[in-house]
Full PDB file with SEQRES, HELIX, SHEET, SSBOND, CRYST1, ORIGX, SCALE, CONECT and MASTER records, all heavy atoms in Angstrom:
SEQRES   1 A   34  TYR GLN ARG ARG VAL ALA ALA ILE PRO PRO GLY GLY ALA          
SEQRES   2 A   34  LEU LEU VAL THR ILE HIS ARG GLN GLY PRO LYS ASN ALA          
SEQRES   3 A   34  GLU LEU SER ASN LEU THR LEU THR                              
HELIX    1 AA1 GLN A    2  ALA A    7  1                                   6    
HELIX    2 AA2 LEU A   28  ASN A   30  5                                   3    
CRYST1    1.000    1.000    1.000  90.00  90.00  90.00 P 1           1          
ORIGX1      1.000000  0.000000  0.000000        0.00000                         
ORIGX2      0.000000  1.000000  0.000000        0.00000                         
ORIGX3      0.000000  0.000000  1.000000        0.00000                         
SCALE1      1.000000  0.000000  0.000000        0.00000                         
SCALE2      0.000000  1.000000  0.000000        0.00000                         
SCALE3      0.000000  0.000000  1.000000        0.00000                         
ATOM      1  N   TYR A   1      67.415 130.694 110.173  1.00  0.00           N  
ATOM      2  CA  TYR A   1      66.447 130.137 110.979  1.00  0.00           C  
ATOM      3  C   TYR A   1      65.588 129.094 110.163  1.00  0.00           C  
ATOM      4  O   TYR A   1      65.233 128.018 110.615  1.00  0.00           O  
ATOM      5  CB  TYR A   1      65.571 131.254 111.487  1.00  0.00           C  
ATOM      6  CG  TYR A   1      64.236 130.761 112.145  1.00  0.00           C  
ATOM      7  CD1 TYR A   1      64.326 130.220 113.388  1.00  0.00           C  
ATOM      8  CD2 TYR A   1      62.989 130.886 111.528  1.00  0.00           C  
ATOM      9  CE1 TYR A   1      63.177 129.849 114.048  1.00  0.00           C  
ATOM     10  CE2 TYR A   1      61.801 130.519 112.186  1.00  0.00           C  
ATOM     11  CZ  TYR A   1      61.900 129.845 113.511  1.00  0.00           C  
ATOM     12  OH  TYR A   1      60.758 129.480 113.993  1.00  0.00           O  
ATOM     13  N   GLN A   2      65.130 129.424 108.877  1.00  0.00           N  
ATOM     14  CA  GLN A   2      64.329 128.435 108.086  1.00  0.00           C  
ATOM     15  C   GLN A   2      65.083 127.307 107.851  1.00  0.00           C  
ATOM     16  O   GLN A   2      64.496 126.271 107.860  1.00  0.00           O  
ATOM     17  CB  GLN A   2      64.002 129.253 106.736  1.00  0.00           C  
ATOM     18  CG  GLN A   2      62.929 130.425 107.128  1.00  0.00           C  
ATOM     19  CD  GLN A   2      62.738 131.296 105.882  1.00  0.00           C  
ATOM     20  OE1 GLN A   2      63.385 131.078 104.897  1.00  0.00           O  
ATOM     21  NE2 GLN A   2      61.974 132.252 105.972  1.00  0.00           N  
ATOM     22  N   ARG A   3      66.404 127.361 107.497  1.00  0.00           N  
ATOM     23  CA  ARG A   3      67.212 126.126 107.267  1.00  0.00           C  
ATOM     24  C   ARG A   3      67.271 125.271 108.571  1.00  0.00           C  
ATOM     25  O   ARG A   3      67.061 123.955 108.476  1.00  0.00           O  
ATOM     26  CB  ARG A   3      68.659 126.643 106.845  1.00  0.00           C  
ATOM     27  CG  ARG A   3      69.473 125.502 106.333  1.00  0.00           C  
ATOM     28  CD  ARG A   3      70.738 125.958 105.853  1.00  0.00           C  
ATOM     29  NE  ARG A   3      71.623 126.600 106.800  1.00  0.00           N  
ATOM     30  CZ  ARG A   3      72.020 127.895 106.884  1.00  0.00           C  
ATOM     31  NH1 ARG A   3      71.630 128.648 105.845  1.00  0.00           N  
ATOM     32  NH2 ARG A   3      72.706 128.263 107.707  1.00  0.00           N  
ATOM     33  N   ARG A   4      67.411 125.873 109.741  1.00  0.00           N  
ATOM     34  CA  ARG A   4      67.483 125.083 110.977  1.00  0.00           C  
ATOM     35  C   ARG A   4      66.111 124.401 111.292  1.00  0.00           C  
ATOM     36  O   ARG A   4      66.086 123.168 111.695  1.00  0.00           O  
ATOM     37  CB  ARG A   4      67.829 126.008 112.171  1.00  0.00           C  
ATOM     38  CG  ARG A   4      69.229 126.498 112.268  1.00  0.00           C  
ATOM     39  CD  ARG A   4      70.171 125.303 112.618  1.00  0.00           C  
ATOM     40  NE  ARG A   4      71.508 125.847 112.518  1.00  0.00           N  
ATOM     41  CZ  ARG A   4      72.416 125.931 113.607  1.00  0.00           C  
ATOM     42  NH1 ARG A   4      71.893 125.499 114.763  1.00  0.00           N  
ATOM     43  NH2 ARG A   4      73.543 126.271 113.492  1.00  0.00           N  
ATOM     44  N   VAL A   5      65.015 125.079 111.065  1.00  0.00           N  
ATOM     45  CA  VAL A   5      63.717 124.541 111.229  1.00  0.00           C  
ATOM     46  C   VAL A   5      63.452 123.365 110.270  1.00  0.00           C  
ATOM     47  O   VAL A   5      62.868 122.409 110.646  1.00  0.00           O  
ATOM     48  CB  VAL A   5      62.592 125.759 111.212  1.00  0.00           C  
ATOM     49  CG1 VAL A   5      61.201 125.010 111.180  1.00  0.00           C  
ATOM     50  CG2 VAL A   5      62.673 126.532 112.322  1.00  0.00           C  
ATOM     51  N   ALA A   6      63.756 123.666 109.111  1.00  0.00           N  
ATOM     52  CA  ALA A   6      63.588 122.572 107.983  1.00  0.00           C  
ATOM     53  C   ALA A   6      64.400 121.268 108.345  1.00  0.00           C  
ATOM     54  O   ALA A   6      64.176 120.219 107.865  1.00  0.00           O  
ATOM     55  CB  ALA A   6      63.955 123.090 106.677  1.00  0.00           C  
ATOM     56  N   ALA A   7      65.494 121.510 109.005  1.00  0.00           N  
ATOM     57  CA  ALA A   7      66.567 120.381 109.255  1.00  0.00           C  
ATOM     58  C   ALA A   7      65.924 119.559 110.482  1.00  0.00           C  
ATOM     59  O   ALA A   7      66.475 118.401 110.776  1.00  0.00           O  
ATOM     60  CB  ALA A   7      67.848 120.755 109.632  1.00  0.00           C  
ATOM     61  N   ILE A   8      64.905 120.028 111.288  1.00  0.00           N  
ATOM     62  CA  ILE A   8      64.396 119.301 112.445  1.00  0.00           C  
ATOM     63  C   ILE A   8      63.711 118.095 111.825  1.00  0.00           C  
ATOM     64  O   ILE A   8      62.687 118.168 111.093  1.00  0.00           O  
ATOM     65  CB  ILE A   8      63.473 120.037 113.239  1.00  0.00           C  
ATOM     66  CG1 ILE A   8      64.267 121.338 113.874  1.00  0.00           C  
ATOM     67  CG2 ILE A   8      62.848 119.368 114.349  1.00  0.00           C  
ATOM     68  CD1 ILE A   8      63.467 122.157 114.585  1.00  0.00           C  
ATOM     69  N   PRO A   9      63.940 116.718 112.316  1.00  0.00           N  
ATOM     70  CA  PRO A   9      63.186 115.674 111.885  1.00  0.00           C  
ATOM     71  C   PRO A   9      61.753 115.765 112.431  1.00  0.00           C  
ATOM     72  O   PRO A   9      61.523 116.028 113.589  1.00  0.00           O  
ATOM     73  CB  PRO A   9      63.970 114.415 112.478  1.00  0.00           C  
ATOM     74  CG  PRO A   9      65.106 114.999 113.189  1.00  0.00           C  
ATOM     75  CD  PRO A   9      65.097 116.556 113.187  1.00  0.00           C  
ATOM     76  N   PRO A  10      60.793 115.290 111.575  1.00  0.00           N  
ATOM     77  CA  PRO A  10      59.327 115.531 112.097  1.00  0.00           C  
ATOM     78  C   PRO A  10      58.979 114.622 113.262  1.00  0.00           C  
ATOM     79  O   PRO A  10      58.089 114.827 113.839  1.00  0.00           O  
ATOM     80  CB  PRO A  10      58.579 115.189 110.849  1.00  0.00           C  
ATOM     81  CG  PRO A  10      59.547 114.473 109.847  1.00  0.00           C  
ATOM     82  CD  PRO A  10      60.954 114.891 110.266  1.00  0.00           C  
ATOM     83  N   GLY A  11      59.667 113.463 113.346  1.00  0.00           N  
ATOM     84  CA  GLY A  11      59.374 112.645 114.568  1.00  0.00           C  
ATOM     85  C   GLY A  11      60.332 112.845 115.734  1.00  0.00           C  
ATOM     86  O   GLY A  11      60.237 112.124 116.650  1.00  0.00           O  
ATOM     87  N   GLY A  12      61.109 113.857 115.732  1.00  0.00           N  
ATOM     88  CA  GLY A  12      62.066 114.045 116.831  1.00  0.00           C  
ATOM     89  C   GLY A  12      63.382 113.459 116.579  1.00  0.00           C  
ATOM     90  O   GLY A  12      63.757 113.009 115.421  1.00  0.00           O  
ATOM     91  N   ALA A  13      64.330 113.268 117.586  1.00  0.00           N  
ATOM     92  CA  ALA A  13      65.528 112.616 117.380  1.00  0.00           C  
ATOM     93  C   ALA A  13      65.923 111.780 118.534  1.00  0.00           C  
ATOM     94  O   ALA A  13      65.523 112.089 119.691  1.00  0.00           O  
ATOM     95  CB  ALA A  13      66.596 113.827 117.277  1.00  0.00           C  
ATOM     96  N   LEU A  14      66.429 110.697 118.248  1.00  0.00           N  
ATOM     97  CA  LEU A  14      66.978 109.669 119.346  1.00  0.00           C  
ATOM     98  C   LEU A  14      68.428 109.873 119.484  1.00  0.00           C  
ATOM     99  O   LEU A  14      69.204 109.909 118.476  1.00  0.00           O  
ATOM    100  CB  LEU A  14      66.669 108.307 118.752  1.00  0.00           C  
ATOM    101  CG  LEU A  14      66.727 107.196 119.792  1.00  0.00           C  
ATOM    102  CD1 LEU A  14      65.546 107.475 120.862  1.00  0.00           C  
ATOM    103  CD2 LEU A  14      66.545 105.798 119.088  1.00  0.00           C  
ATOM    104  N   LEU A  15      68.924 110.210 120.624  1.00  0.00           N  
ATOM    105  CA  LEU A  15      70.349 110.482 121.032  1.00  0.00           C  
ATOM    106  C   LEU A  15      70.978 109.296 121.630  1.00  0.00           C  
ATOM    107  O   LEU A  15      70.403 108.891 122.711  1.00  0.00           O  
ATOM    108  CB  LEU A  15      70.326 111.702 121.814  1.00  0.00           C  
ATOM    109  CG  LEU A  15      71.803 112.192 122.148  1.00  0.00           C  
ATOM    110  CD1 LEU A  15      72.582 112.629 120.910  1.00  0.00           C  
ATOM    111  CD2 LEU A  15      71.863 113.199 123.263  1.00  0.00           C  
ATOM    112  N   VAL A  16      71.877 108.690 121.112  1.00  0.00           N  
ATOM    113  CA  VAL A  16      72.624 107.604 121.590  1.00  0.00           C  
ATOM    114  C   VAL A  16      73.979 107.984 122.127  1.00  0.00           C  
ATOM    115  O   VAL A  16      74.789 108.708 121.465  1.00  0.00           O  
ATOM    116  CB  VAL A  16      72.827 106.339 120.572  1.00  0.00           C  
ATOM    117  CG1 VAL A  16      73.588 105.196 121.186  1.00  0.00           C  
ATOM    118  CG2 VAL A  16      71.599 106.001 120.039  1.00  0.00           C  
ATOM    119  N   THR A  17      74.164 107.762 123.496  1.00  0.00           N  
ATOM    120  CA  THR A  17      75.445 108.093 124.085  1.00  0.00           C  
ATOM    121  C   THR A  17      76.078 106.889 124.788  1.00  0.00           C  
ATOM    122  O   THR A  17      75.448 106.171 125.363  1.00  0.00           O  
ATOM    123  CB  THR A  17      75.166 109.183 125.185  1.00  0.00           C  
ATOM    124  OG1 THR A  17      74.439 110.212 124.736  1.00  0.00           O  
ATOM    125  CG2 THR A  17      76.550 109.617 125.819  1.00  0.00           C  
ATOM    126  N   ILE A  18      77.412 106.623 124.470  1.00  0.00           N  
ATOM    127  CA  ILE A  18      78.176 105.508 125.035  1.00  0.00           C  
ATOM    128  C   ILE A  18      79.443 106.072 125.606  1.00  0.00           C  
ATOM    129  O   ILE A  18      80.058 107.057 125.264  1.00  0.00           O  
ATOM    130  CB  ILE A  18      78.500 104.468 123.970  1.00  0.00           C  
ATOM    131  CG1 ILE A  18      79.423 105.014 122.940  1.00  0.00           C  
ATOM    132  CG2 ILE A  18      77.209 103.870 123.331  1.00  0.00           C  
ATOM    133  CD1 ILE A  18      80.042 103.868 122.058  1.00  0.00           C  
ATOM    134  N   HIS A  19      79.910 105.376 126.734  1.00  0.00           N  
ATOM    135  CA  HIS A  19      81.059 105.560 127.380  1.00  0.00           C  
ATOM    136  C   HIS A  19      81.774 104.285 127.351  1.00  0.00           C  
ATOM    137  O   HIS A  19      81.234 103.245 127.883  1.00  0.00           O  
ATOM    138  CB  HIS A  19      80.977 106.070 128.834  1.00  0.00           C  
ATOM    139  CG  HIS A  19      80.361 107.427 129.020  1.00  0.00           C  
ATOM    140  ND1 HIS A  19      79.913 107.920 130.219  1.00  0.00           N  
ATOM    141  CD2 HIS A  19      80.015 108.357 128.066  1.00  0.00           C  
ATOM    142  CE1 HIS A  19      79.431 109.167 130.055  1.00  0.00           C  
ATOM    143  NE2 HIS A  19      79.429 109.399 128.696  1.00  0.00           N  
ATOM    144  N   ARG A  20      82.950 104.217 126.861  1.00  0.00           N  
ATOM    145  CA  ARG A  20      83.776 102.973 126.809  1.00  0.00           C  
ATOM    146  C   ARG A  20      85.242 103.174 127.275  1.00  0.00           C  
ATOM    147  O   ARG A  20      85.677 104.407 127.148  1.00  0.00           O  
ATOM    148  CB  ARG A  20      83.786 102.357 125.400  1.00  0.00           C  
ATOM    149  CG  ARG A  20      82.401 102.052 124.810  1.00  0.00           C  
ATOM    150  CD  ARG A  20      81.763 100.768 125.520  1.00  0.00           C  
ATOM    151  NE  ARG A  20      80.626 100.375 124.792  1.00  0.00           N  
ATOM    152  CZ  ARG A  20      79.491 100.702 125.167  1.00  0.00           C  
ATOM    153  NH1 ARG A  20      79.221 101.508 126.243  1.00  0.00           N  
ATOM    154  NH2 ARG A  20      78.358 100.245 124.657  1.00  0.00           N  
ATOM    155  N   GLN A  21      85.806 102.174 127.660  1.00  0.00           N  
ATOM    156  CA  GLN A  21      87.287 102.247 128.040  1.00  0.00           C  
ATOM    157  C   GLN A  21      88.137 102.138 126.775  1.00  0.00           C  
ATOM    158  O   GLN A  21      87.888 101.192 125.988  1.00  0.00           O  
ATOM    159  CB  GLN A  21      87.723 101.186 129.121  1.00  0.00           C  
ATOM    160  CG  GLN A  21      87.125 101.417 130.425  1.00  0.00           C  
ATOM    161  CD  GLN A  21      87.519 100.318 131.433  1.00  0.00           C  
ATOM    162  OE1 GLN A  21      87.835  99.213 130.996  1.00  0.00           O  
ATOM    163  NE2 GLN A  21      87.259 100.564 132.731  1.00  0.00           N  
ATOM    164  N   GLY A  22      89.002 103.054 126.547  1.00  0.00           N  
ATOM    165  CA  GLY A  22      89.881 103.026 125.501  1.00  0.00           C  
ATOM    166  C   GLY A  22      89.359 103.654 124.213  1.00  0.00           C  
ATOM    167  O   GLY A  22      88.204 103.548 124.032  1.00  0.00           O  
ATOM    168  N   PRO A  23      90.131 104.342 123.336  1.00  0.00           N  
ATOM    169  CA  PRO A  23      89.548 105.056 122.244  1.00  0.00           C  
ATOM    170  C   PRO A  23      88.964 104.104 121.106  1.00  0.00           C  
ATOM    171  O   PRO A  23      88.071 104.406 120.449  1.00  0.00           O  
ATOM    172  CB  PRO A  23      90.829 105.784 121.776  1.00  0.00           C  
ATOM    173  CG  PRO A  23      91.976 105.094 122.246  1.00  0.00           C  
ATOM    174  CD  PRO A  23      91.656 104.442 123.468  1.00  0.00           C  
ATOM    175  N   LYS A  24      89.553 102.881 121.048  1.00  0.00           N  
ATOM    176  CA  LYS A  24      89.048 101.923 119.929  1.00  0.00           C  
ATOM    177  C   LYS A  24      87.701 101.331 120.320  1.00  0.00           C  
ATOM    178  O   LYS A  24      86.941 100.800 119.331  1.00  0.00           O  
ATOM    179  CB  LYS A  24      89.997 100.873 119.685  1.00  0.00           C  
ATOM    180  CG  LYS A  24      91.333 101.395 119.123  1.00  0.00           C  
ATOM    181  CD  LYS A  24      92.322 100.232 118.870  1.00  0.00           C  
ATOM    182  CE  LYS A  24      93.615 100.705 118.214  1.00  0.00           C  
ATOM    183  NZ  LYS A  24      94.653  99.699 118.034  1.00  0.00           N  
ATOM    184  N   ASN A  25      87.331 101.288 121.664  1.00  0.00           N  
ATOM    185  CA  ASN A  25      86.194 100.711 121.962  1.00  0.00           C  
ATOM    186  C   ASN A  25      84.868 101.558 121.863  1.00  0.00           C  
ATOM    187  O   ASN A  25      83.853 101.148 121.948  1.00  0.00           O  
ATOM    188  CB  ASN A  25      86.324 100.228 123.445  1.00  0.00           C  
ATOM    189  CG  ASN A  25      87.181  99.079 123.551  1.00  0.00           C  
ATOM    190  OD1 ASN A  25      87.446  98.248 122.666  1.00  0.00           O  
ATOM    191  ND2 ASN A  25      87.791  98.993 124.734  1.00  0.00           N  
ATOM    192  N   ALA A  26      85.204 102.959 121.795  1.00  0.00           N  
ATOM    193  CA  ALA A  26      84.055 103.900 121.627  1.00  0.00           C  
ATOM    194  C   ALA A  26      83.804 104.037 120.235  1.00  0.00           C  
ATOM    195  O   ALA A  26      83.499 105.140 119.626  1.00  0.00           O  
ATOM    196  CB  ALA A  26      84.556 105.245 122.268  1.00  0.00           C  
ATOM    197  N   GLU A  27      83.765 102.998 119.457  1.00  0.00           N  
ATOM    198  CA  GLU A  27      83.268 103.012 118.036  1.00  0.00           C  
ATOM    199  C   GLU A  27      81.809 102.772 117.832  1.00  0.00           C  
ATOM    200  O   GLU A  27      81.335 101.692 118.302  1.00  0.00           O  
ATOM    201  CB  GLU A  27      84.088 101.956 117.343  1.00  0.00           C  
ATOM    202  CG  GLU A  27      83.824 101.750 115.879  1.00  0.00           C  
ATOM    203  CD  GLU A  27      84.106 103.092 115.086  1.00  0.00           C  
ATOM    204  OE1 GLU A  27      85.178 103.635 115.224  1.00  0.00           O  
ATOM    205  OE2 GLU A  27      83.199 103.511 114.315  1.00  0.00           O  
ATOM    206  N   LEU A  28      81.001 103.793 117.303  1.00  0.00           N  
ATOM    207  CA  LEU A  28      79.644 103.623 117.171  1.00  0.00           C  
ATOM    208  C   LEU A  28      79.176 102.563 116.175  1.00  0.00           C  
ATOM    209  O   LEU A  28      78.130 102.086 116.302  1.00  0.00           O  
ATOM    210  CB  LEU A  28      79.037 104.917 116.827  1.00  0.00           C  
ATOM    211  CG  LEU A  28      79.136 106.051 117.894  1.00  0.00           C  
ATOM    212  CD1 LEU A  28      78.843 107.423 117.352  1.00  0.00           C  
ATOM    213  CD2 LEU A  28      78.164 105.756 118.936  1.00  0.00           C  
ATOM    214  N   SER A  29      80.017 102.057 115.195  1.00  0.00           N  
ATOM    215  CA  SER A  29      79.660 101.167 114.275  1.00  0.00           C  
ATOM    216  C   SER A  29      79.393  99.812 115.000  1.00  0.00           C  
ATOM    217  O   SER A  29      78.896  98.804 114.278  1.00  0.00           O  
ATOM    218  CB  SER A  29      80.634 101.071 113.045  1.00  0.00           C  
ATOM    219  OG  SER A  29      81.988 100.761 113.666  1.00  0.00           O  
ATOM    220  N   ASN A  30      79.862  99.542 116.213  1.00  0.00           N  
ATOM    221  CA  ASN A  30      79.646  98.310 116.924  1.00  0.00           C  
ATOM    222  C   ASN A  30      78.225  98.200 117.387  1.00  0.00           C  
ATOM    223  O   ASN A  30      77.841  97.151 117.829  1.00  0.00           O  
ATOM    224  CB  ASN A  30      80.658  98.336 118.126  1.00  0.00           C  
ATOM    225  CG  ASN A  30      81.960  98.131 117.684  1.00  0.00           C  
ATOM    226  OD1 ASN A  30      82.304  97.603 116.598  1.00  0.00           O  
ATOM    227  ND2 ASN A  30      82.940  98.451 118.532  1.00  0.00           N  
ATOM    228  N   LEU A  31      77.368  99.207 117.379  1.00  0.00           N  
ATOM    229  CA  LEU A  31      76.152  99.273 117.899  1.00  0.00           C  
ATOM    230  C   LEU A  31      75.071  99.100 116.838  1.00  0.00           C  
ATOM    231  O   LEU A  31      75.083  99.694 115.711  1.00  0.00           O  
ATOM    232  CB  LEU A  31      75.801 100.612 118.568  1.00  0.00           C  
ATOM    233  CG  LEU A  31      76.753 101.069 119.809  1.00  0.00           C  
ATOM    234  CD1 LEU A  31      76.474 102.302 120.291  1.00  0.00           C  
ATOM    235  CD2 LEU A  31      76.774  99.888 120.831  1.00  0.00           C  
ATOM    236  N   THR A  32      74.036  98.270 117.221  1.00  0.00           N  
ATOM    237  CA  THR A  32      73.000  98.138 116.318  1.00  0.00           C  
ATOM    238  C   THR A  32      71.666  98.468 117.140  1.00  0.00           C  
ATOM    239  O   THR A  32      71.459  97.893 118.174  1.00  0.00           O  
ATOM    240  CB  THR A  32      72.828  96.581 115.878  1.00  0.00           C  
ATOM    241  OG1 THR A  32      73.952  96.212 115.042  1.00  0.00           O  
ATOM    242  CG2 THR A  32      71.561  96.436 114.909  1.00  0.00           C  
ATOM    243  N   LEU A  33      70.931  99.353 116.608  1.00  0.00           N  
ATOM    244  CA  LEU A  33      69.774  99.860 117.265  1.00  0.00           C  
ATOM    245  C   LEU A  33      68.425  99.257 116.663  1.00  0.00           C  
ATOM    246  O   LEU A  33      68.319  99.240 115.478  1.00  0.00           O  
ATOM    247  CB  LEU A  33      69.674 101.467 117.107  1.00  0.00           C  
ATOM    248  CG  LEU A  33      68.471 102.097 117.689  1.00  0.00           C  
ATOM    249  CD1 LEU A  33      68.781 102.413 119.257  1.00  0.00           C  
ATOM    250  CD2 LEU A  33      68.196 103.460 117.017  1.00  0.00           C  
ATOM    251  N   THR A  34      67.632  98.652 117.537  1.00  0.00           N  
ATOM    252  CA  THR A  34      66.378  98.044 117.013  1.00  0.00           C  
ATOM    253  C   THR A  34      65.234  98.649 117.779  1.00  0.00           C  
ATOM    254  O   THR A  34      65.284  98.578 119.075  1.00  0.00           O  
ATOM    255  CB  THR A  34      66.356  96.538 117.304  1.00  0.00           C  
ATOM    256  OG1 THR A  34      67.510  95.938 116.678  1.00  0.00           O  
ATOM    257  CG2 THR A  34      65.186  95.946 116.632  1.00  0.00           C  
TER     258      THR A  34                                                      
MASTER        0    0    0    2    0    0    0    6  257    1    0    3          
END                                                                             
């Protein structure tokens, strides 16, 4: 429990979800978040 609580980011978490056609297009390194 203590390990899980310590792993929570203090500012929360941003979850990015993508759906793409084809396995090669669902590559997260193509995305830049600003």
